N, C-alpha and C. Protein backbone atom coordinates (compact mmCIF):
# COMPACT_ATOMS: atom_id res chain seq x y z
N MET A 1 0.87 -1.06 0.11
CA MET A 1 0.08 0.00 0.00
C MET A 1 0.76 1.20 -0.02
N ASP A 2 0.39 2.27 -0.68
CA ASP A 2 1.17 3.51 -0.92
C ASP A 2 0.37 4.43 -0.14
N SER A 3 0.95 5.51 0.43
CA SER A 3 0.34 6.59 1.24
C SER A 3 0.67 7.83 0.41
N TYR A 4 -0.43 8.63 0.51
CA TYR A 4 -0.49 10.01 -0.19
C TYR A 4 -1.37 11.03 0.71
N LEU A 5 -0.58 12.35 0.62
CA LEU A 5 -1.58 13.28 1.16
C LEU A 5 -2.21 13.80 0.15
N VAL A 6 -3.69 13.82 0.35
CA VAL A 6 -4.46 14.46 -0.92
C VAL A 6 -4.99 15.70 -0.41
N CYS A 7 -4.70 16.84 -0.98
CA CYS A 7 -5.10 18.17 -0.71
C CYS A 7 -6.00 18.92 -1.80
N TYR A 8 -6.86 19.60 -1.52
CA TYR A 8 -7.67 20.06 -2.67
C TYR A 8 -8.20 21.59 -2.33
N ASP A 9 -8.37 22.21 -3.42
CA ASP A 9 -8.92 23.68 -3.38
C ASP A 9 -10.06 23.72 -4.45
N ILE A 10 -11.28 23.55 -3.92
CA ILE A 10 -12.55 23.46 -4.94
C ILE A 10 -13.36 24.76 -4.88
N SER A 11 -13.66 25.31 -5.82
CA SER A 11 -14.29 26.63 -5.85
C SER A 11 -15.79 26.56 -5.78
N ASN A 12 -16.46 25.42 -6.00
CA ASN A 12 -17.84 25.33 -5.96
C ASN A 12 -18.35 24.49 -4.74
N PRO A 13 -19.28 24.88 -3.83
CA PRO A 13 -19.66 24.09 -2.68
C PRO A 13 -20.21 22.81 -3.11
N LYS A 14 -20.88 22.51 -4.11
CA LYS A 14 -21.37 21.19 -4.43
C LYS A 14 -20.37 20.25 -4.83
N ARG A 15 -19.36 20.70 -5.75
CA ARG A 15 -18.22 19.97 -5.99
C ARG A 15 -17.36 19.55 -4.78
N LEU A 16 -17.29 20.62 -3.89
CA LEU A 16 -16.46 20.31 -2.82
C LEU A 16 -16.89 19.41 -1.93
N ARG A 17 -18.26 19.26 -1.66
CA ARG A 17 -18.89 18.25 -0.82
C ARG A 17 -18.60 16.72 -1.57
N LYS A 18 -18.64 16.82 -2.70
CA LYS A 18 -18.48 15.58 -3.53
C LYS A 18 -17.17 15.04 -3.54
N VAL A 19 -16.10 16.05 -3.47
CA VAL A 19 -14.65 15.66 -3.37
C VAL A 19 -14.26 15.24 -2.11
N ALA A 20 -14.88 15.78 -0.87
CA ALA A 20 -14.70 15.45 0.35
C ALA A 20 -15.27 14.07 0.63
N ARG A 21 -16.34 13.86 0.08
CA ARG A 21 -17.09 12.36 0.17
C ARG A 21 -16.26 11.42 -0.47
N THR A 22 -15.68 11.66 -1.60
CA THR A 22 -14.90 10.64 -2.32
C THR A 22 -13.55 10.56 -1.49
N CYS A 23 -13.00 11.50 -1.28
CA CYS A 23 -11.61 11.21 -0.29
C CYS A 23 -11.84 10.40 1.03
N GLU A 24 -13.16 10.69 1.70
CA GLU A 24 -13.51 9.97 2.77
C GLU A 24 -13.64 8.42 2.43
N ASP A 25 -14.10 8.13 1.32
CA ASP A 25 -14.22 6.72 0.77
C ASP A 25 -12.78 6.13 0.81
N PHE A 26 -11.87 6.88 0.59
CA PHE A 26 -10.45 6.16 0.41
C PHE A 26 -9.43 6.28 1.70
N GLY A 27 -9.56 7.44 2.54
CA GLY A 27 -8.63 7.76 3.50
C GLY A 27 -9.44 8.45 4.68
N TYR A 28 -8.46 9.18 5.60
CA TYR A 28 -8.78 9.82 6.79
C TYR A 28 -8.46 11.32 6.73
N ARG A 29 -9.46 12.06 7.03
CA ARG A 29 -9.45 13.50 7.03
C ARG A 29 -8.35 13.88 8.12
N LYS A 30 -7.49 14.86 7.79
CA LYS A 30 -6.45 15.29 8.68
C LYS A 30 -6.71 16.56 8.86
N GLN A 31 -7.32 17.57 7.87
CA GLN A 31 -7.73 19.00 8.14
C GLN A 31 -8.80 19.06 7.12
N LEU A 32 -9.43 20.12 7.05
CA LEU A 32 -10.64 20.38 6.21
C LEU A 32 -10.69 19.80 4.83
N SER A 33 -9.48 20.25 4.19
CA SER A 33 -9.24 19.95 2.75
C SER A 33 -7.88 18.93 2.60
N VAL A 34 -7.55 18.40 3.68
CA VAL A 34 -6.49 17.40 3.58
C VAL A 34 -6.73 15.94 4.19
N PHE A 35 -6.28 14.98 3.29
CA PHE A 35 -6.59 13.67 3.76
C PHE A 35 -5.53 12.84 3.68
N LEU A 36 -5.17 11.79 4.46
CA LEU A 36 -4.36 10.70 4.47
C LEU A 36 -4.70 9.80 3.93
N VAL A 37 -4.24 9.17 2.80
CA VAL A 37 -4.80 8.12 2.01
C VAL A 37 -3.95 7.12 1.77
N ARG A 38 -4.18 5.73 2.31
CA ARG A 38 -3.40 4.59 2.05
C ARG A 38 -3.98 3.59 1.09
N VAL A 39 -3.59 3.48 -0.10
CA VAL A 39 -4.32 2.66 -1.11
C VAL A 39 -3.18 1.79 -2.05
N SER A 40 -3.79 0.82 -2.52
CA SER A 40 -3.13 0.11 -3.57
C SER A 40 -3.01 0.82 -4.78
N ALA A 41 -2.16 0.47 -5.76
CA ALA A 41 -1.97 1.23 -6.96
C ALA A 41 -3.25 1.18 -7.70
N THR A 42 -4.06 0.11 -7.72
CA THR A 42 -5.35 0.03 -8.50
C THR A 42 -6.29 1.14 -7.80
N ASP A 43 -6.48 1.16 -6.37
CA ASP A 43 -7.45 2.10 -5.80
C ASP A 43 -6.86 3.55 -5.78
N PHE A 44 -5.51 3.74 -6.14
CA PHE A 44 -5.24 5.21 -6.42
C PHE A 44 -5.64 5.55 -7.79
N VAL A 45 -5.66 4.74 -8.74
CA VAL A 45 -6.20 5.07 -10.14
C VAL A 45 -7.68 5.31 -9.89
N ARG A 46 -8.49 4.52 -9.17
CA ARG A 46 -9.84 4.74 -8.75
C ARG A 46 -10.10 6.12 -8.35
N LEU A 47 -9.40 6.47 -7.25
CA LEU A 47 -9.54 7.74 -6.56
C LEU A 47 -9.27 8.92 -7.56
N ARG A 48 -8.10 8.82 -8.22
CA ARG A 48 -7.76 9.89 -9.14
C ARG A 48 -8.94 10.00 -10.30
N THR A 49 -9.36 8.98 -10.71
CA THR A 49 -10.52 9.00 -11.85
C THR A 49 -11.67 9.39 -11.07
N ARG A 50 -12.21 9.08 -10.03
CA ARG A 50 -13.50 9.57 -9.33
C ARG A 50 -13.32 11.31 -9.26
N LEU A 51 -12.14 11.64 -8.70
CA LEU A 51 -11.82 12.98 -8.50
C LEU A 51 -11.96 13.88 -9.81
N TYR A 52 -11.25 13.29 -10.84
CA TYR A 52 -11.13 13.86 -12.17
C TYR A 52 -12.47 14.09 -12.64
N ASP A 53 -13.46 13.19 -12.61
CA ASP A 53 -14.73 13.21 -12.96
C ASP A 53 -15.82 14.42 -12.26
N ILE A 54 -15.14 14.57 -11.09
CA ILE A 54 -15.93 15.51 -10.19
C ILE A 54 -15.53 16.93 -10.50
N ILE A 55 -14.21 17.32 -10.54
CA ILE A 55 -13.92 18.76 -10.52
C ILE A 55 -13.81 19.29 -11.87
N ASN A 56 -13.81 20.58 -11.82
CA ASN A 56 -13.86 21.53 -12.88
C ASN A 56 -12.31 21.84 -13.17
N LEU A 57 -11.64 21.43 -14.25
CA LEU A 57 -10.23 21.37 -14.54
C LEU A 57 -9.73 22.83 -14.47
N ASP A 58 -10.58 23.62 -14.90
CA ASP A 58 -10.24 25.13 -15.10
C ASP A 58 -10.20 25.92 -13.54
N GLU A 59 -11.08 25.43 -12.65
CA GLU A 59 -11.35 26.19 -11.39
C GLU A 59 -10.64 25.56 -10.28
N ASP A 60 -10.52 24.18 -10.23
CA ASP A 60 -10.24 23.41 -9.06
C ASP A 60 -8.91 22.83 -9.20
N GLN A 61 -8.43 22.37 -7.94
CA GLN A 61 -7.08 21.67 -7.86
C GLN A 61 -7.13 20.67 -6.83
N VAL A 62 -6.44 19.57 -7.19
CA VAL A 62 -6.23 18.47 -6.24
C VAL A 62 -4.77 18.09 -6.38
N LEU A 63 -4.11 17.99 -5.18
CA LEU A 63 -2.85 17.58 -5.14
C LEU A 63 -2.59 16.35 -4.43
N PHE A 64 -1.82 15.44 -4.96
CA PHE A 64 -1.49 14.07 -4.41
C PHE A 64 0.04 14.14 -4.17
N LEU A 65 0.28 14.04 -2.95
CA LEU A 65 1.68 14.18 -2.51
C LEU A 65 2.13 12.76 -1.89
N PRO A 66 3.11 12.06 -2.62
CA PRO A 66 3.46 10.63 -2.14
C PRO A 66 4.18 10.81 -0.68
N LEU A 67 3.87 9.92 0.28
CA LEU A 67 4.56 9.88 1.36
C LEU A 67 5.23 8.62 1.71
N THR A 68 6.40 8.50 2.27
CA THR A 68 7.01 7.45 2.60
C THR A 68 6.82 7.00 4.15
N ASP A 69 7.04 5.88 4.62
CA ASP A 69 6.78 5.41 5.97
C ASP A 69 7.54 6.21 6.71
N ALA A 70 8.71 6.69 6.52
CA ALA A 70 9.58 7.54 7.24
C ALA A 70 8.93 8.86 7.39
N CYS A 71 8.38 9.48 6.34
CA CYS A 71 7.75 10.64 6.51
C CYS A 71 6.52 10.68 7.57
N LEU A 72 5.59 9.56 7.39
CA LEU A 72 4.54 9.49 8.31
C LEU A 72 5.08 9.35 9.62
N GLN A 73 5.97 8.48 10.04
CA GLN A 73 6.44 8.42 11.49
C GLN A 73 7.05 9.62 11.98
N ARG A 74 7.51 10.66 11.17
CA ARG A 74 7.88 11.85 11.70
C ARG A 74 6.92 12.92 11.69
N MET A 75 5.53 12.65 11.31
CA MET A 75 4.55 13.76 11.34
C MET A 75 4.45 14.36 12.50
N GLU A 76 4.30 15.73 12.62
CA GLU A 76 4.30 16.45 13.62
C GLU A 76 3.02 17.38 13.56
N THR A 77 2.51 17.86 14.70
CA THR A 77 1.53 18.88 14.81
C THR A 77 1.64 19.99 15.74
N ILE A 78 1.20 21.15 15.56
CA ILE A 78 1.05 22.16 16.47
C ILE A 78 -0.22 22.58 16.70
N GLY A 79 -0.65 22.78 17.85
CA GLY A 79 -2.19 22.84 18.07
C GLY A 79 -2.88 21.62 18.30
N ARG A 80 -4.12 21.69 17.94
CA ARG A 80 -4.87 20.62 17.82
C ARG A 80 -4.25 19.31 17.58
N PRO A 81 -4.34 18.23 18.41
CA PRO A 81 -3.65 17.05 18.01
C PRO A 81 -4.23 16.19 16.84
N THR A 82 -3.54 15.30 16.14
CA THR A 82 -3.89 14.57 15.02
C THR A 82 -3.64 13.23 15.57
N ASP A 83 -4.47 12.28 14.88
CA ASP A 83 -4.11 10.91 15.27
C ASP A 83 -2.89 10.30 14.77
N ALA A 84 -2.14 9.59 15.28
CA ALA A 84 -0.87 9.20 15.02
C ALA A 84 -0.93 8.18 13.93
N TYR A 85 0.15 8.04 12.98
CA TYR A 85 0.09 7.09 11.99
C TYR A 85 0.27 5.79 12.57
N ASP A 86 -0.46 4.85 12.04
CA ASP A 86 -0.44 3.40 12.43
C ASP A 86 -0.14 2.65 11.06
N LYS A 87 0.95 1.89 11.11
CA LYS A 87 1.14 1.14 10.04
C LYS A 87 0.15 0.05 9.50
N ASN A 88 -0.82 -0.19 10.48
CA ASN A 88 -1.89 -1.13 10.19
C ASN A 88 -3.16 -0.64 9.82
N ASP A 89 -3.17 0.81 9.62
CA ASP A 89 -4.40 1.50 9.00
C ASP A 89 -4.61 1.05 7.80
N ASN A 90 -5.86 0.82 7.33
CA ASN A 90 -6.27 0.44 6.08
C ASN A 90 -7.34 1.27 5.64
N ALA A 91 -7.54 1.65 4.40
CA ALA A 91 -8.59 2.23 3.91
C ALA A 91 -9.66 1.29 3.29
N ILE A 92 -10.83 1.44 3.66
CA ILE A 92 -11.94 0.64 3.08
C ILE A 92 -12.62 1.44 2.18
N VAL A 93 -12.72 0.99 0.88
CA VAL A 93 -13.42 1.68 -0.28
C VAL A 93 -14.72 0.99 -0.51
N VAL A 94 -15.79 1.69 -0.40
CA VAL A 94 -17.12 1.10 -0.67
C VAL A 94 -17.46 1.27 -2.20
């Protein structure tokens, strides 16, 4: 399984809700528009395809930032705590 930080900036509230729901199907919300996603290569393609079909390519943006296990273990926060990375976390795709 590969890990990604998925971040988005969506200009339309309806598309924003659809993007958030799609990301929830694949990962865990870390901030309002930031998700930690742990997926197989096949599920990563599914996620990208679903988001591509939702967003307006001229107005919206979705970033997929690949993360290594070392990056995840070194994750730090300031302020409100976040859940610690667990190597056994799995995303369940419905």
